[in-house]
């Protein structure tokens, strides 16, 4: 079935790059990870997130950029290298999942990554005013909002009030996703992240940045049992 459009997103910004060896073998990492005003390409920003998640899931996290010098430097302004549209779930904080710190990630979180005007306005702000080069739509396994939409799809009553609003936005994705067995919620989480990434890429306010290559939008899924982020594109 056709899925109604909602979204928006995009950007350009800062960071570092390199290689590190440590712990139980070689752990790829970006050597220069201090926040800076040097802009990263979307590809460099994505690699930095992948490297940080590798540290996180292998228990070699550094919790960088929390010292007083960083806090003092950030008083003058921010230059995050990535924007994450993530779920509000307490188990998936982007700075921990990607082992980043203050000034690194521009977070926008809502249950099920549901897009509304406040979320979209925040994304556009990150693109137009903070110049972030990479947007990641981050879903996660066992998402309660997606699970609620799956339950309604399978015959449960639609929740009332604000939770119903969330389910109504996710339900078209669930209804368009075949149930072929296995972990259907995880399948729908993946489909939902991809759908939102597509909505953002097609938003009229963001298409120019995306088509020019200034901004890249990718979908991803975090698996709670492995602590791994799977990039879906």
N, C-alpha and C. Protein backbone atom coordinates (compact mmCIF):
# COMPACT_ATOMS: atom_id res chain seq x y z
N UNK A 1 0.83 -1.19 0.00
CA UNK A 1 0.00 0.00 0.00
C UNK A 1 0.87 1.24 0.00
N UNK A 2 0.35 2.35 -0.41
CA UNK A 2 1.12 3.59 -0.42
C UNK A 2 1.29 4.10 0.99
N UNK A 3 2.44 4.68 1.25
CA UNK A 3 2.74 5.22 2.58
C UNK A 3 2.76 6.72 2.49
N UNK A 4 2.02 7.38 3.36
CA UNK A 4 1.97 8.84 3.31
C UNK A 4 3.31 9.44 3.70
N UNK A 5 3.71 10.54 3.06
CA UNK A 5 4.96 11.21 3.36
C UNK A 5 4.80 12.13 4.55
N UNK A 6 5.89 12.33 5.27
CA UNK A 6 5.88 13.34 6.33
C UNK A 6 7.11 14.22 6.21
N UNK A 7 8.25 13.88 6.24
CA UNK A 7 9.54 14.32 6.68
C UNK A 7 10.39 15.45 6.20
N UNK A 8 11.60 15.52 6.83
CA UNK A 8 12.63 16.48 6.46
C UNK A 8 13.95 16.19 7.10
N UNK A 9 15.11 16.64 6.42
CA UNK A 9 16.39 16.45 7.08
C UNK A 9 17.58 16.78 6.20
N UNK A 10 18.79 16.98 6.79
CA UNK A 10 20.06 17.17 6.07
C UNK A 10 21.07 18.07 6.71
N UNK A 11 22.39 18.32 6.06
CA UNK A 11 23.42 19.09 6.75
C UNK A 11 24.85 19.08 6.23
N UNK A 12 25.89 19.59 7.11
CA UNK A 12 27.33 19.72 6.84
C UNK A 12 28.14 20.15 8.06
N UNK A 13 29.34 19.52 8.52
CA UNK A 13 30.03 19.99 9.75
C UNK A 13 31.42 19.50 10.10
N UNK A 14 31.75 19.08 11.41
CA UNK A 14 33.12 19.04 11.93
C UNK A 14 33.60 17.71 12.46
N UNK A 15 34.95 17.58 12.72
CA UNK A 15 35.43 16.37 13.38
C UNK A 15 36.88 16.05 13.26
N UNK A 16 37.27 14.76 12.90
CA UNK A 16 38.64 14.30 12.83
C UNK A 16 38.72 12.92 12.23
N UNK A 17 39.97 12.38 12.01
CA UNK A 17 40.11 11.07 11.39
C UNK A 17 41.43 10.42 11.75
N UNK A 18 41.54 9.06 11.57
CA UNK A 18 42.78 8.37 11.84
C UNK A 18 42.62 6.91 12.17
N UNK A 19 43.57 6.32 12.98
CA UNK A 19 43.58 4.90 13.27
C UNK A 19 44.18 4.66 14.64
N UNK A 20 43.63 3.70 15.38
CA UNK A 20 44.12 3.40 16.71
C UNK A 20 44.17 1.90 16.88
N UNK A 21 45.15 1.41 17.63
CA UNK A 21 45.22 0.00 17.96
C UNK A 21 45.16 -0.12 19.46
N UNK A 22 44.36 -1.06 19.99
CA UNK A 22 44.28 -1.20 21.43
C UNK A 22 43.38 -2.33 21.84
N UNK A 23 43.42 -2.67 23.15
CA UNK A 23 42.53 -3.69 23.70
C UNK A 23 42.82 -5.05 23.14
N UNK A 24 41.76 -5.76 22.70
CA UNK A 24 41.88 -7.14 22.23
C UNK A 24 42.12 -7.17 20.73
N UNK A 25 43.19 -6.53 20.29
CA UNK A 25 43.49 -6.49 18.87
C UNK A 25 43.28 -5.10 18.31
N UNK A 26 43.26 -5.03 16.98
CA UNK A 26 43.17 -3.73 16.31
C UNK A 26 41.74 -3.20 16.38
N UNK A 27 41.61 -2.04 16.95
CA UNK A 27 40.32 -1.37 16.99
C UNK A 27 40.40 -0.14 16.12
N UNK A 28 39.78 -0.13 14.94
CA UNK A 28 39.84 1.05 14.10
C UNK A 28 39.21 2.23 14.81
N UNK A 29 39.87 3.37 14.76
CA UNK A 29 39.33 4.57 15.38
C UNK A 29 39.91 5.78 14.69
N UNK A 30 39.25 6.89 14.84
CA UNK A 30 39.74 8.12 14.25
C UNK A 30 40.68 8.78 15.24
N UNK A 31 41.95 8.96 14.85
CA UNK A 31 42.96 9.45 15.77
C UNK A 31 42.65 10.85 16.27
N UNK A 32 42.25 11.73 15.36
CA UNK A 32 41.93 13.09 15.76
C UNK A 32 40.43 13.18 15.97
N UNK A 33 39.99 12.93 17.21
CA UNK A 33 38.56 12.93 17.49
C UNK A 33 38.12 14.13 18.30
N UNK A 34 39.02 15.07 18.52
CA UNK A 34 38.62 16.26 19.26
C UNK A 34 37.64 17.07 18.44
N UNK A 35 36.62 17.65 19.10
CA UNK A 35 35.70 18.51 18.36
C UNK A 35 36.47 19.65 17.70
N UNK A 36 36.14 19.96 16.48
CA UNK A 36 36.84 21.04 15.77
C UNK A 36 35.87 21.70 14.81
N UNK A 37 36.33 22.76 14.19
CA UNK A 37 35.51 23.44 13.21
C UNK A 37 35.81 22.93 11.80
N UNK A 38 36.72 21.98 11.67
CA UNK A 38 37.02 21.41 10.35
C UNK A 38 35.86 20.51 9.92
N UNK A 39 35.33 20.76 8.75
CA UNK A 39 34.17 20.02 8.30
C UNK A 39 34.56 18.64 7.78
N UNK A 40 33.76 17.66 8.14
CA UNK A 40 33.94 16.32 7.62
C UNK A 40 33.05 16.11 6.41
N UNK A 41 33.45 15.20 5.55
CA UNK A 41 32.55 14.76 4.50
C UNK A 41 31.52 13.82 5.12
N UNK A 42 30.40 13.59 4.45
CA UNK A 42 29.44 12.61 4.98
C UNK A 42 30.07 11.24 5.21
N UNK A 43 30.97 10.84 4.32
CA UNK A 43 31.61 9.53 4.43
C UNK A 43 32.52 9.49 5.65
N UNK A 44 33.28 10.55 5.90
CA UNK A 44 34.14 10.60 7.08
C UNK A 44 33.33 10.58 8.36
N UNK A 45 32.22 11.30 8.36
CA UNK A 45 31.35 11.32 9.53
C UNK A 45 30.78 9.93 9.81
N UNK A 46 30.35 9.23 8.76
CA UNK A 46 29.81 7.89 8.93
C UNK A 46 30.86 6.94 9.47
N UNK A 47 32.08 7.04 8.96
CA UNK A 47 33.16 6.17 9.43
C UNK A 47 33.46 6.43 10.91
N UNK A 48 33.37 7.68 11.31
CA UNK A 48 33.61 8.02 12.70
C UNK A 48 32.56 7.39 13.62
N UNK A 49 31.30 7.39 13.18
CA UNK A 49 30.25 6.73 13.96
C UNK A 49 30.47 5.22 14.01
N UNK A 50 30.84 4.63 12.89
CA UNK A 50 31.08 3.18 12.87
C UNK A 50 32.22 2.80 13.81
N UNK A 51 33.27 3.60 13.81
CA UNK A 51 34.41 3.34 14.68
C UNK A 51 34.01 3.45 16.14
N UNK A 52 33.23 4.48 16.46
CA UNK A 52 32.77 4.65 17.83
C UNK A 52 31.89 3.50 18.30
N UNK A 53 31.00 3.01 17.42
CA UNK A 53 30.16 1.88 17.80
C UNK A 53 30.99 0.62 17.98
N UNK A 54 32.05 0.48 17.21
CA UNK A 54 32.96 -0.66 17.38
C UNK A 54 33.56 -0.63 18.78
N UNK A 55 33.99 0.54 19.22
CA UNK A 55 34.53 0.65 20.57
C UNK A 55 33.47 0.31 21.61
N UNK A 56 32.25 0.81 21.41
CA UNK A 56 31.17 0.60 22.36
C UNK A 56 30.85 -0.88 22.52
N UNK A 57 30.66 -1.56 21.39
CA UNK A 57 30.22 -2.96 21.48
C UNK A 57 31.34 -3.89 21.91
N UNK A 58 32.61 -3.46 21.78
CA UNK A 58 33.74 -4.28 22.23
C UNK A 58 34.23 -3.86 23.62
N UNK A 59 33.46 -2.97 24.28
CA UNK A 59 33.76 -2.51 25.63
C UNK A 59 35.09 -1.78 25.73
N UNK A 60 35.44 -1.04 24.69
CA UNK A 60 36.62 -0.19 24.69
C UNK A 60 36.23 1.28 24.55
N UNK A 61 35.05 1.62 25.03
CA UNK A 61 34.58 3.00 24.90
C UNK A 61 35.47 3.95 25.69
N UNK A 62 35.57 5.19 25.18
CA UNK A 62 36.43 6.20 25.79
C UNK A 62 35.66 7.30 26.50
N UNK A 63 34.39 7.45 26.20
CA UNK A 63 33.60 8.58 26.73
C UNK A 63 34.35 9.89 26.49
N UNK A 64 34.63 10.23 25.24
CA UNK A 64 35.47 11.40 24.96
C UNK A 64 34.74 12.73 25.14
N UNK A 65 35.52 13.79 25.16
CA UNK A 65 35.01 15.16 25.07
C UNK A 65 34.09 15.53 26.22
N UNK A 66 34.50 15.18 27.43
CA UNK A 66 33.74 15.53 28.62
C UNK A 66 34.53 16.43 29.56
N UNK A 67 35.78 16.75 29.21
CA UNK A 67 36.65 17.48 30.12
C UNK A 67 36.30 18.97 30.15
N UNK A 68 36.91 19.69 31.06
CA UNK A 68 36.61 21.10 31.23
C UNK A 68 37.01 21.91 30.00
N UNK A 69 38.14 21.55 29.37
CA UNK A 69 38.58 22.29 28.19
C UNK A 69 37.55 22.20 27.07
N UNK A 70 36.96 21.02 26.89
CA UNK A 70 35.92 20.86 25.87
C UNK A 70 34.69 21.69 26.22
N UNK A 71 34.29 21.65 27.47
CA UNK A 71 33.12 22.42 27.90
C UNK A 71 33.35 23.91 27.69
N UNK A 72 34.55 24.38 28.00
CA UNK A 72 34.85 25.80 27.81
C UNK A 72 34.81 26.17 26.33
N UNK A 73 35.38 25.30 25.48
CA UNK A 73 35.42 25.58 24.05
C UNK A 73 34.02 25.63 23.43
N UNK A 74 33.14 24.78 23.93
CA UNK A 74 31.80 24.69 23.35
C UNK A 74 30.89 25.84 23.77
N UNK A 75 31.32 26.63 24.74
CA UNK A 75 30.51 27.79 25.12
C UNK A 75 30.34 28.73 23.93
N UNK A 76 31.37 28.81 23.09
CA UNK A 76 31.35 29.73 21.95
C UNK A 76 30.51 29.23 20.79
N UNK A 77 30.18 27.94 20.76
CA UNK A 77 29.39 27.42 19.65
C UNK A 77 29.59 25.93 19.47
N UNK A 78 28.73 25.32 18.66
CA UNK A 78 28.79 23.88 18.43
C UNK A 78 29.07 23.57 16.97
N UNK A 79 29.76 22.45 16.74
CA UNK A 79 30.06 21.99 15.38
C UNK A 79 29.92 20.46 15.33
N UNK A 80 28.74 19.91 15.63
CA UNK A 80 28.56 18.46 15.59
C UNK A 80 28.76 17.92 14.18
N UNK A 81 29.30 16.70 14.09
CA UNK A 81 29.58 16.12 12.78
C UNK A 81 28.46 15.20 12.30
N UNK A 82 27.49 14.89 13.17
CA UNK A 82 26.38 14.02 12.78
C UNK A 82 25.11 14.44 13.49
N UNK A 83 23.98 14.20 12.82
CA UNK A 83 22.66 14.41 13.39
C UNK A 83 21.98 13.05 13.47
N UNK A 84 21.50 12.67 14.64
CA UNK A 84 20.84 11.39 14.81
C UNK A 84 19.38 11.61 15.15
N UNK A 85 18.50 11.12 14.28
CA UNK A 85 17.07 11.08 14.57
C UNK A 85 16.81 9.70 15.18
N UNK A 86 16.70 9.67 16.50
CA UNK A 86 16.61 8.40 17.20
C UNK A 86 15.35 8.27 18.02
N UNK A 87 15.20 7.09 18.63
CA UNK A 87 14.06 6.81 19.49
C UNK A 87 14.33 7.37 20.89
N UNK A 88 13.27 7.68 21.60
CA UNK A 88 13.39 8.20 22.96
C UNK A 88 13.79 7.13 23.97
N UNK A 89 13.85 5.89 23.57
CA UNK A 89 14.16 4.77 24.46
C UNK A 89 15.45 5.02 25.25
N UNK A 90 15.40 4.79 26.56
CA UNK A 90 16.54 5.08 27.44
C UNK A 90 17.73 4.17 27.19
N UNK A 91 17.54 3.07 26.45
CA UNK A 91 18.62 2.12 26.21
C UNK A 91 19.44 2.45 24.97
N UNK A 92 19.07 3.53 24.27
CA UNK A 92 19.74 3.83 23.01
C UNK A 92 20.18 5.30 22.94
N UNK A 93 20.96 5.78 23.90
CA UNK A 93 21.45 7.16 23.81
C UNK A 93 22.57 7.26 22.77
N UNK A 94 22.45 8.08 21.76
CA UNK A 94 23.42 8.10 20.66
C UNK A 94 24.86 8.35 21.10
N UNK A 95 25.09 9.24 22.08
CA UNK A 95 26.46 9.51 22.49
C UNK A 95 27.14 8.26 23.07
N UNK A 96 26.39 7.41 23.73
CA UNK A 96 26.96 6.18 24.26
C UNK A 96 27.11 5.12 23.17
N UNK A 97 26.05 4.92 22.39
CA UNK A 97 26.05 3.91 21.35
C UNK A 97 27.18 4.13 20.33
N UNK A 98 27.49 5.40 20.07
CA UNK A 98 28.56 5.73 19.12
C UNK A 98 29.83 6.21 19.81
N UNK A 99 29.87 6.14 21.14
CA UNK A 99 31.03 6.54 21.93
C UNK A 99 31.54 7.92 21.52
N UNK A 100 30.65 8.89 21.58
CA UNK A 100 31.00 10.28 21.29
C UNK A 100 30.72 11.12 22.54
N UNK A 101 31.01 12.42 22.46
CA UNK A 101 30.87 13.26 23.63
C UNK A 101 30.19 14.58 23.33
N UNK A 102 30.45 15.55 24.19
CA UNK A 102 29.84 16.87 24.04
C UNK A 102 30.25 17.49 22.71
N UNK A 103 29.27 18.05 22.01
CA UNK A 103 29.55 18.76 20.77
C UNK A 103 29.69 17.89 19.55
N UNK A 104 29.52 16.56 19.69
CA UNK A 104 29.74 15.65 18.57
C UNK A 104 28.47 15.32 17.79
N UNK A 105 27.38 15.08 18.50
CA UNK A 105 26.14 14.60 17.87
C UNK A 105 24.99 15.53 18.22
N UNK A 106 24.22 15.88 17.19
CA UNK A 106 23.01 16.69 17.34
C UNK A 106 21.86 15.70 17.45
N UNK A 107 21.32 15.53 18.67
CA UNK A 107 20.30 14.52 18.93
C UNK A 107 18.89 15.06 18.75
N UNK A 108 18.06 14.29 18.06
CA UNK A 108 16.62 14.56 17.97
C UNK A 108 15.93 13.23 18.23
N UNK A 109 15.18 13.14 19.33
CA UNK A 109 14.64 11.85 19.73
C UNK A 109 13.12 11.93 19.96
N UNK A 110 12.43 10.96 19.40
CA UNK A 110 11.00 10.78 19.66
C UNK A 110 10.70 9.29 19.58
N UNK A 111 9.67 8.83 20.25
CA UNK A 111 9.34 7.41 20.24
C UNK A 111 9.11 6.93 18.81
N UNK A 112 9.82 5.88 18.43
CA UNK A 112 9.69 5.34 17.08
C UNK A 112 10.22 6.25 16.00
N UNK A 113 11.00 7.28 16.38
CA UNK A 113 11.52 8.28 15.44
C UNK A 113 10.40 8.99 14.67
N UNK A 114 9.22 9.06 15.28
CA UNK A 114 8.09 9.68 14.59
C UNK A 114 8.41 11.13 14.26
N UNK A 115 8.13 11.52 13.02
CA UNK A 115 8.37 12.88 12.56
C UNK A 115 7.13 13.73 12.79
N UNK A 116 7.32 14.85 13.49
CA UNK A 116 6.28 15.86 13.55
C UNK A 116 6.95 17.20 13.28
N UNK A 117 6.21 18.29 13.40
CA UNK A 117 6.77 19.59 13.03
C UNK A 117 7.96 20.00 13.90
N UNK A 118 7.91 19.65 15.18
CA UNK A 118 9.04 20.02 16.03
C UNK A 118 10.29 19.22 15.68
N UNK A 119 10.11 17.94 15.36
CA UNK A 119 11.25 17.11 14.94
C UNK A 119 11.81 17.63 13.62
N UNK A 120 10.93 17.87 12.67
CA UNK A 120 11.38 18.34 11.36
C UNK A 120 12.04 19.71 11.45
N UNK A 121 11.48 20.59 12.27
CA UNK A 121 12.10 21.89 12.45
C UNK A 121 13.49 21.77 13.05
N UNK A 122 13.67 20.84 13.96
CA UNK A 122 14.98 20.62 14.56
C UNK A 122 15.97 20.08 13.54
N UNK A 123 15.51 19.19 12.67
CA UNK A 123 16.38 18.65 11.62
C UNK A 123 16.80 19.76 10.67
N UNK A 124 15.85 20.56 10.23
CA UNK A 124 16.17 21.65 9.31
C UNK A 124 17.14 22.63 9.96
N UNK A 125 16.95 22.89 11.25
CA UNK A 125 17.89 23.77 11.95
C UNK A 125 19.30 23.19 11.91
N UNK A 126 19.40 21.88 12.15
CA UNK A 126 20.71 21.24 12.11
C UNK A 126 21.36 21.33 10.74
N UNK A 127 20.55 21.28 9.70
CA UNK A 127 21.07 21.35 8.34
C UNK A 127 21.44 22.78 7.95
N UNK A 128 20.52 23.71 8.19
CA UNK A 128 20.70 25.06 7.69
C UNK A 128 21.62 25.92 8.55
N UNK A 129 21.62 25.70 9.85
CA UNK A 129 22.34 26.58 10.75
C UNK A 129 23.57 25.94 11.39
N UNK A 130 23.57 24.61 11.52
CA UNK A 130 24.71 23.94 12.15
C UNK A 130 25.58 23.24 11.10
N UNK A 131 25.06 23.08 9.89
CA UNK A 131 25.81 22.58 8.74
C UNK A 131 26.36 21.17 8.99
N UNK A 132 25.48 20.26 9.35
CA UNK A 132 25.86 18.88 9.65
C UNK A 132 25.85 18.05 8.36
N UNK A 133 26.90 17.25 8.10
CA UNK A 133 26.99 16.53 6.83
C UNK A 133 26.30 15.17 6.79
N UNK A 134 25.93 14.63 7.97
CA UNK A 134 25.39 13.27 8.00
C UNK A 134 24.18 13.22 8.92
N UNK A 135 23.10 12.60 8.42
CA UNK A 135 21.91 12.35 9.23
C UNK A 135 21.70 10.85 9.30
N UNK A 136 21.55 10.34 10.53
CA UNK A 136 21.29 8.92 10.74
C UNK A 136 19.93 8.76 11.39
N UNK A 137 19.06 7.97 10.76
CA UNK A 137 17.78 7.61 11.37
C UNK A 137 18.00 6.29 12.08
N UNK A 138 17.97 6.32 13.41
CA UNK A 138 18.39 5.17 14.21
C UNK A 138 17.20 4.51 14.91
N UNK A 139 16.74 3.38 14.35
CA UNK A 139 15.76 2.55 15.04
C UNK A 139 16.48 1.55 15.93
N UNK A 140 15.72 0.76 16.67
CA UNK A 140 16.36 -0.23 17.54
C UNK A 140 15.44 -1.42 17.78
N UNK A 141 16.03 -2.56 18.07
CA UNK A 141 15.26 -3.76 18.35
C UNK A 141 14.39 -3.56 19.58
N UNK A 142 13.29 -4.28 19.63
CA UNK A 142 12.34 -4.22 20.75
C UNK A 142 11.78 -2.83 20.98
N UNK A 143 11.60 -2.07 19.91
CA UNK A 143 11.05 -0.72 20.04
C UNK A 143 9.59 -0.79 20.48
N UNK A 144 9.26 -0.12 21.57
CA UNK A 144 7.90 -0.17 22.09
C UNK A 144 6.88 0.47 21.17
N UNK A 145 7.26 1.57 20.50
CA UNK A 145 6.32 2.24 19.60
C UNK A 145 6.00 1.38 18.39
N UNK A 146 7.03 0.75 17.83
CA UNK A 146 6.81 -0.13 16.68
C UNK A 146 6.03 -1.37 17.12
N UNK A 147 6.35 -1.90 18.29
CA UNK A 147 5.61 -3.06 18.81
C UNK A 147 4.12 -2.73 18.96
N UNK A 148 3.81 -1.53 19.44
CA UNK A 148 2.41 -1.13 19.58
C UNK A 148 1.71 -1.08 18.23
N UNK A 149 2.42 -0.59 17.20
CA UNK A 149 1.84 -0.55 15.85
C UNK A 149 1.63 -1.97 15.31
N UNK A 150 2.57 -2.86 15.58
CA UNK A 150 2.42 -4.26 15.17
C UNK A 150 1.21 -4.89 15.87
N UNK A 151 1.03 -4.60 17.14
CA UNK A 151 -0.12 -5.14 17.88
C UNK A 151 -1.44 -4.68 17.25
N UNK A 152 -1.52 -3.39 16.90
CA UNK A 152 -2.74 -2.89 16.25
C UNK A 152 -2.94 -3.56 14.91
N UNK A 153 -1.87 -3.73 14.16
CA UNK A 153 -1.93 -4.41 12.86
C UNK A 153 -2.49 -5.82 13.01
N UNK A 154 -2.19 -6.44 14.13
CA UNK A 154 -2.64 -7.82 14.37
C UNK A 154 -3.99 -7.89 15.08
N UNK A 155 -4.65 -6.74 15.29
CA UNK A 155 -6.01 -6.76 15.81
C UNK A 155 -6.24 -6.09 17.14
N UNK A 156 -5.20 -5.61 17.80
CA UNK A 156 -5.39 -4.91 19.07
C UNK A 156 -6.06 -3.56 18.82
N UNK A 157 -6.77 -3.01 19.81
CA UNK A 157 -7.40 -1.70 19.61
C UNK A 157 -6.36 -0.59 19.51
N UNK A 158 -6.68 0.43 18.75
CA UNK A 158 -5.80 1.58 18.62
C UNK A 158 -5.72 2.31 19.96
N UNK A 159 -4.53 2.57 20.49
CA UNK A 159 -4.43 3.34 21.73
C UNK A 159 -5.02 4.73 21.56
N UNK A 160 -5.49 5.30 22.65
CA UNK A 160 -6.06 6.63 22.60
C UNK A 160 -4.99 7.69 22.87
N UNK A 161 -5.35 8.93 22.59
CA UNK A 161 -4.52 10.06 22.97
C UNK A 161 -3.19 10.13 22.24
N UNK A 162 -2.18 10.59 22.96
CA UNK A 162 -0.88 10.85 22.35
C UNK A 162 -0.19 9.58 21.85
N UNK A 163 -0.37 8.47 22.58
CA UNK A 163 0.25 7.22 22.12
C UNK A 163 -0.40 6.77 20.82
N UNK A 164 -1.69 6.99 20.70
CA UNK A 164 -2.37 6.68 19.44
C UNK A 164 -1.80 7.48 18.29
N UNK A 165 -1.42 8.72 18.56
CA UNK A 165 -0.79 9.57 17.52
C UNK A 165 0.49 8.91 17.01
N UNK A 166 1.31 8.37 17.92
CA UNK A 166 2.54 7.70 17.51
C UNK A 166 2.23 6.47 16.66
N UNK A 167 1.30 5.66 17.14
CA UNK A 167 0.97 4.42 16.42
C UNK A 167 0.41 4.73 15.04
N UNK A 168 -0.42 5.75 14.93
CA UNK A 168 -0.99 6.11 13.63
C UNK A 168 0.09 6.48 12.62
N UNK A 169 1.19 7.03 13.08
CA UNK A 169 2.27 7.41 12.17
C UNK A 169 3.13 6.22 11.75
N UNK A 170 3.20 5.21 12.61
CA UNK A 170 4.03 4.04 12.30
C UNK A 170 3.24 2.96 11.59
N UNK A 171 1.93 2.88 11.84
CA UNK A 171 1.10 1.79 11.33
C UNK A 171 1.15 1.64 9.81
N UNK A 172 1.15 2.71 8.99
CA UNK A 172 1.24 2.49 7.54
C UNK A 172 2.49 1.74 7.12
N UNK A 173 3.61 1.95 7.80
CA UNK A 173 4.83 1.22 7.49
C UNK A 173 4.66 -0.25 7.83
N UNK A 174 4.08 -0.52 9.00
CA UNK A 174 3.85 -1.92 9.41
C UNK A 174 2.93 -2.61 8.42
N UNK A 175 1.86 -1.93 8.01
CA UNK A 175 0.89 -2.55 7.09
C UNK A 175 1.49 -2.80 5.72
N UNK A 176 2.52 -2.06 5.36
CA UNK A 176 3.19 -2.25 4.06
C UNK A 176 4.34 -3.25 4.14
N UNK A 177 4.61 -3.79 5.33
CA UNK A 177 5.74 -4.70 5.52
C UNK A 177 5.24 -6.13 5.66
N UNK A 178 5.58 -7.03 4.75
CA UNK A 178 5.10 -8.42 4.82
C UNK A 178 5.59 -9.12 6.09
N UNK A 179 4.72 -9.91 6.69
CA UNK A 179 5.09 -10.72 7.85
C UNK A 179 5.45 -12.11 7.34
N UNK A 180 6.75 -12.35 7.19
CA UNK A 180 7.22 -13.61 6.63
C UNK A 180 7.78 -14.53 7.70
N UNK A 181 7.42 -14.26 8.96
CA UNK A 181 7.94 -15.08 10.05
C UNK A 181 9.17 -14.45 10.68
N UNK A 182 9.65 -15.08 11.72
CA UNK A 182 10.82 -14.54 12.40
C UNK A 182 10.43 -13.38 13.29
N UNK A 183 11.38 -12.49 13.54
CA UNK A 183 11.14 -11.34 14.41
C UNK A 183 10.50 -10.23 13.60
N UNK A 184 9.16 -10.22 13.58
CA UNK A 184 8.43 -9.25 12.75
C UNK A 184 8.62 -7.83 13.26
N UNK A 185 8.73 -7.66 14.58
CA UNK A 185 8.97 -6.32 15.11
C UNK A 185 10.29 -5.77 14.59
N UNK A 186 11.34 -6.60 14.61
CA UNK A 186 12.63 -6.13 14.10
C UNK A 186 12.54 -5.80 12.62
N UNK A 187 11.81 -6.62 11.86
CA UNK A 187 11.61 -6.33 10.44
C UNK A 187 10.94 -4.98 10.25
N UNK A 188 9.94 -4.70 11.08
CA UNK A 188 9.23 -3.42 10.97
C UNK A 188 10.09 -2.26 11.47
N UNK A 189 10.92 -2.48 12.46
CA UNK A 189 11.87 -1.45 12.91
C UNK A 189 12.77 -1.05 11.76
N UNK A 190 13.29 -2.03 11.04
CA UNK A 190 14.15 -1.77 9.89
C UNK A 190 13.39 -1.00 8.81
N UNK A 191 12.17 -1.46 8.50
CA UNK A 191 11.36 -0.80 7.48
C UNK A 191 11.02 0.64 7.90
N UNK A 192 10.76 0.85 9.18
CA UNK A 192 10.41 2.18 9.67
C UNK A 192 11.59 3.13 9.55
N UNK A 193 12.78 2.69 9.91
CA UNK A 193 13.97 3.54 9.79
C UNK A 193 14.23 3.90 8.33
N UNK A 194 14.09 2.94 7.45
CA UNK A 194 14.31 3.22 6.02
C UNK A 194 13.25 4.18 5.48
N UNK A 195 12.02 3.99 5.90
CA UNK A 195 10.94 4.86 5.44
C UNK A 195 11.17 6.31 5.88
N UNK A 196 11.55 6.50 7.12
CA UNK A 196 11.78 7.85 7.62
C UNK A 196 12.97 8.48 6.91
N UNK A 197 14.02 7.71 6.67
CA UNK A 197 15.17 8.24 5.94
C UNK A 197 14.76 8.69 4.54
N UNK A 198 13.89 7.92 3.89
CA UNK A 198 13.41 8.29 2.57
C UNK A 198 12.57 9.55 2.63
N UNK A 199 11.70 9.64 3.62
CA UNK A 199 10.88 10.84 3.78
C UNK A 199 11.75 12.09 3.92
N UNK A 200 12.77 11.97 4.72
CA UNK A 200 13.66 13.11 4.94
C UNK A 200 14.39 13.48 3.66
N UNK A 201 14.89 12.47 2.95
CA UNK A 201 15.63 12.74 1.72
C UNK A 201 14.77 13.39 0.65
N UNK A 202 13.46 13.11 0.69
CA UNK A 202 12.55 13.66 -0.32
C UNK A 202 11.88 14.95 0.12
N UNK A 203 12.16 15.41 1.31
CA UNK A 203 11.54 16.64 1.77
C UNK A 203 12.03 17.82 0.93
N UNK A 204 11.14 18.69 0.49
CA UNK A 204 11.53 19.80 -0.39
C UNK A 204 12.61 20.71 0.20
N UNK A 205 12.65 20.83 1.51
CA UNK A 205 13.64 21.70 2.13
C UNK A 205 15.02 21.06 2.22
N UNK A 206 15.10 19.76 1.93
CA UNK A 206 16.35 19.05 2.10
C UNK A 206 16.89 18.41 0.83
N UNK A 207 16.07 18.33 -0.19
CA UNK A 207 16.47 17.60 -1.40
C UNK A 207 17.71 18.20 -2.07
N UNK A 208 17.83 19.52 -2.06
CA UNK A 208 18.97 20.13 -2.73
C UNK A 208 20.28 19.72 -2.07
N UNK A 209 20.31 19.75 -0.73
CA UNK A 209 21.52 19.35 -0.01
C UNK A 209 21.84 17.88 -0.22
N UNK A 210 20.80 17.04 -0.24
CA UNK A 210 21.00 15.61 -0.44
C UNK A 210 21.49 15.33 -1.86
N UNK A 211 20.83 15.91 -2.85
CA UNK A 211 21.18 15.65 -4.24
C UNK A 211 22.55 16.19 -4.61
N UNK A 212 22.98 17.25 -3.93
CA UNK A 212 24.31 17.82 -4.21
C UNK A 212 25.42 17.04 -3.52
N UNK A 213 25.07 16.15 -2.59
CA UNK A 213 26.07 15.40 -1.85
C UNK A 213 26.58 16.10 -0.62
N UNK A 214 26.05 17.28 -0.34
CA UNK A 214 26.46 18.02 0.87
C UNK A 214 26.04 17.27 2.12
N UNK A 215 24.89 16.63 2.05
CA UNK A 215 24.33 15.89 3.18
C UNK A 215 24.00 14.47 2.74
N UNK A 216 24.27 13.53 3.61
CA UNK A 216 23.89 12.14 3.37
C UNK A 216 22.95 11.69 4.48
N UNK A 217 21.91 10.97 4.10
CA UNK A 217 20.95 10.44 5.06
C UNK A 217 20.99 8.91 4.99
N UNK A 218 21.21 8.27 6.14
CA UNK A 218 21.27 6.81 6.17
C UNK A 218 20.35 6.28 7.27
N UNK A 219 19.81 5.10 7.05
CA UNK A 219 19.00 4.41 8.04
C UNK A 219 19.87 3.40 8.77
N UNK A 220 19.54 3.17 10.04
CA UNK A 220 20.32 2.22 10.84
C UNK A 220 19.43 1.58 11.89
N UNK A 221 19.88 0.43 12.40
CA UNK A 221 19.16 -0.26 13.48
C UNK A 221 20.16 -0.69 14.54
N UNK A 222 19.85 -0.37 15.79
CA UNK A 222 20.67 -0.78 16.92
C UNK A 222 20.07 -2.03 17.53
N UNK A 223 20.88 -3.08 17.69
CA UNK A 223 20.41 -4.31 18.30
C UNK A 223 20.83 -4.35 19.76
N UNK A 224 19.86 -4.39 20.64
CA UNK A 224 20.13 -4.32 22.07
C UNK A 224 20.97 -5.50 22.56
N UNK A 225 20.79 -6.67 21.96
CA UNK A 225 21.48 -7.85 22.47
C UNK A 225 22.96 -7.89 22.11
N UNK A 226 23.35 -7.21 21.04
CA UNK A 226 24.75 -7.20 20.62
C UNK A 226 25.42 -5.85 20.77
N UNK A 227 24.65 -4.80 21.02
CA UNK A 227 25.15 -3.40 21.09
C UNK A 227 25.69 -2.92 19.76
N UNK A 228 25.30 -3.55 18.69
CA UNK A 228 25.82 -3.19 17.37
C UNK A 228 24.81 -2.35 16.58
N UNK A 229 25.32 -1.35 15.89
CA UNK A 229 24.51 -0.56 14.96
C UNK A 229 24.70 -1.14 13.57
N UNK A 230 23.60 -1.53 12.95
CA UNK A 230 23.63 -2.03 11.57
C UNK A 230 23.19 -0.89 10.66
N UNK A 231 24.07 -0.44 9.79
CA UNK A 231 23.71 0.58 8.82
C UNK A 231 23.05 -0.11 7.64
N UNK A 232 21.86 0.36 7.27
CA UNK A 232 20.98 -0.39 6.39
C UNK A 232 21.12 -0.03 4.92
N UNK A 233 21.92 0.98 4.59
CA UNK A 233 22.05 1.39 3.19
C UNK A 233 23.47 1.12 2.69
